[in-house]
Protein backbone atom coordinates (compact mmCIF):
# COMPACT_ATOMS: atom_id res chain seq x y z
CA MET A 1 0.45 -0.41 -0.41
CA GLU A 2 1.29 2.97 -1.22
CA TYR A 3 0.21 6.00 0.87
CA GLU A 4 1.01 9.78 1.25
CA LEU A 5 1.87 12.55 3.87
CA GLY A 6 1.81 16.40 3.32
CA PHE A 7 3.48 18.97 5.98
CA TRP A 8 3.42 23.00 5.18
CA LYS A 9 3.38 26.00 8.00
CA TYR A 10 0.96 28.59 6.77
CA LYS A 11 2.14 32.38 7.48
CA GLU A 12 0.21 34.21 9.64
CA GLY A 13 -3.09 35.68 9.06
CA ILE A 14 -2.15 33.10 5.80
CA TYR A 15 -5.14 29.89 4.52
CA LYS A 16 -5.24 28.94 1.67
CA ASN A 17 -6.81 25.71 -0.42
CA ASN A 18 -5.48 23.30 0.79
CA GLN A 19 -5.20 20.32 -1.73
CA ARG A 20 -3.83 23.08 -4.23
CA VAL A 21 -1.22 24.34 -1.92
CA TYR A 22 -0.40 20.63 -1.51
CA THR A 23 -0.64 19.93 -5.16
CA LEU A 24 2.10 23.28 -5.89
CA LEU A 25 4.74 22.42 -3.64
CA SER A 26 5.04 19.05 -4.78
CA ARG A 27 5.39 20.34 -7.59
CA ASP A 28 8.60 22.03 -6.11
CA GLU A 29 6.07 25.42 -7.41
CA GLU A 30 6.22 27.87 -4.88
CA VAL A 31 2.88 29.64 -3.54
CA TYR A 32 2.74 32.65 -1.75
CA GLY A 33 1.92 32.60 2.40
CA ILE A 34 4.20 28.73 3.52
CA ASP A 35 6.97 29.86 6.09
CA ASP A 36 10.36 28.30 5.42
CA LEU A 37 10.81 25.36 7.68
CA PRO A 38 14.51 24.08 10.06
CA THR A 39 15.01 21.69 7.15
CA SER A 40 17.95 19.61 8.96
CA ASP A 41 17.10 19.78 11.92
CA ILE A 42 14.47 17.79 10.48
CA LEU A 43 16.80 15.54 8.61
CA GLU A 44 18.01 15.33 11.95
CA ASP A 45 14.42 14.57 12.92
CA LEU A 46 14.13 11.23 11.10
CA LYS A 47 17.58 9.90 11.63
CA GLU A 48 17.16 9.33 15.28
CA VAL A 49 13.62 8.32 15.05
CA PHE A 50 14.41 5.97 12.55
CA ASN A 51 17.81 4.54 14.02
CA ASP A 52 16.49 1.35 12.89
CA TRP A 53 15.96 1.71 9.87
CA LYS A 54 18.85 1.19 7.41
CA LEU A 55 19.28 4.13 4.71
CA VAL A 56 18.87 3.40 1.55
CA GLU A 57 19.64 6.37 -1.17
CA GLU A 58 20.08 9.86 -0.54
CA ASN A 59 15.50 10.02 0.51
CA GLU A 60 15.31 6.44 2.03
CA TYR A 61 15.01 4.36 4.98
CA GLU A 62 13.66 0.92 4.39
CA LYS A 63 13.38 -1.66 7.08
CA GLU A 64 13.05 -5.64 6.94
CA ASN A 65 9.15 -6.06 7.04
CA SER A 66 8.56 -2.74 8.39
CA GLY A 67 8.84 -0.81 4.53
CA PHE A 68 10.01 2.18 3.31
CA PHE A 69 9.59 5.33 2.45
CA GLN A 70 10.51 7.95 0.42
CA PHE A 71 10.73 11.91 2.01
CA THR A 72 11.46 15.49 0.20
CA VAL A 73 12.48 18.03 2.30
CA LYS A 74 12.31 20.80 0.94
CA LYS A 75 12.97 24.75 1.99
CA ASN A 76 8.85 25.35 2.94
CA PHE A 77 7.37 21.49 2.13
CA VAL A 78 8.20 17.52 3.82
CA ARG A 79 6.34 14.82 2.27
CA PHE A 80 6.27 10.79 3.18
CA ASP A 81 5.72 8.52 0.02
CA CYS A 82 4.91 4.48 2.60
CA TYR A 83 4.98 1.94 1.08
CA GLN A 84 3.83 -0.93 2.83
CA MET A 85 4.71 0.78 6.30
CA ASP A 86 1.86 0.15 9.54
CA GLU A 87 -0.03 3.23 11.54
CA ASP A 88 2.55 3.20 14.69
CA ASP A 89 5.81 4.39 12.02
CA MET A 90 3.65 6.92 9.53
CA ASN A 91 2.77 8.46 12.80
CA LYS A 92 6.49 9.14 13.42
CA PHE A 93 6.31 11.28 11.32
CA ILE A 94 3.08 13.67 12.54
CA ASP A 95 4.32 14.15 15.90
CA ILE A 96 8.53 15.44 14.70
CA MET A 97 6.82 17.81 11.57
CA TYR A 98 3.85 19.06 15.31
CA GLU A 99 6.98 19.95 16.96
CA TYR A 100 7.43 22.12 14.02
CA ASP A 101 3.79 23.27 13.81
CA CYS A 102 3.40 21.45 10.34
CA PRO A 103 0.63 19.62 10.85
CA LEU A 104 -0.26 17.00 8.19
CA TYR A 105 -1.73 17.21 4.91
CA ASP A 106 -3.08 14.09 3.94
CA PRO A 107 -3.83 14.09 0.29
CA GLN A 108 -6.15 10.60 -0.12
CA GLU A 109 -8.31 12.89 1.86
CA ASN A 110 -7.68 16.39 1.30
CA LYS A 111 -8.07 16.68 4.90
CA ARG A 112 -5.84 18.74 6.88
CA PHE A 113 -5.52 18.23 10.42
CA ASP A 114 -5.15 21.76 11.66
CA GLU A 115 -7.71 23.22 13.68
CA ARG A 116 -9.51 25.07 10.56
CA ASN A 117 -9.85 21.65 8.99
CA ASP A 118 -10.22 23.76 5.27
CA GLU A 119 -10.53 22.02 2.27
């Protein structure tokens, strides 16, 4: 099973159509009103939280019998593409990004899990 998870942070007072923002950020397009993220801190957190996983490529981790994931970390957007992972492992991404005030956007459900929940 493949599952995508997207994360970004709106600047104060900005809120847009989340599906459109996700699509544009996934295409590496610039979106007004999105805050920059501490990318090096996020990468360090990934290494720490998934330290028992094997780094296969620059942006891909795998673990026997636990699946694998690929990730994209850009200045204002983080995306995880999860393959055959269980929910507990995917929730670790949510926990990491929550520390940076980046709620989950689930493109499969077209829902951002924040206090606004506008679609």
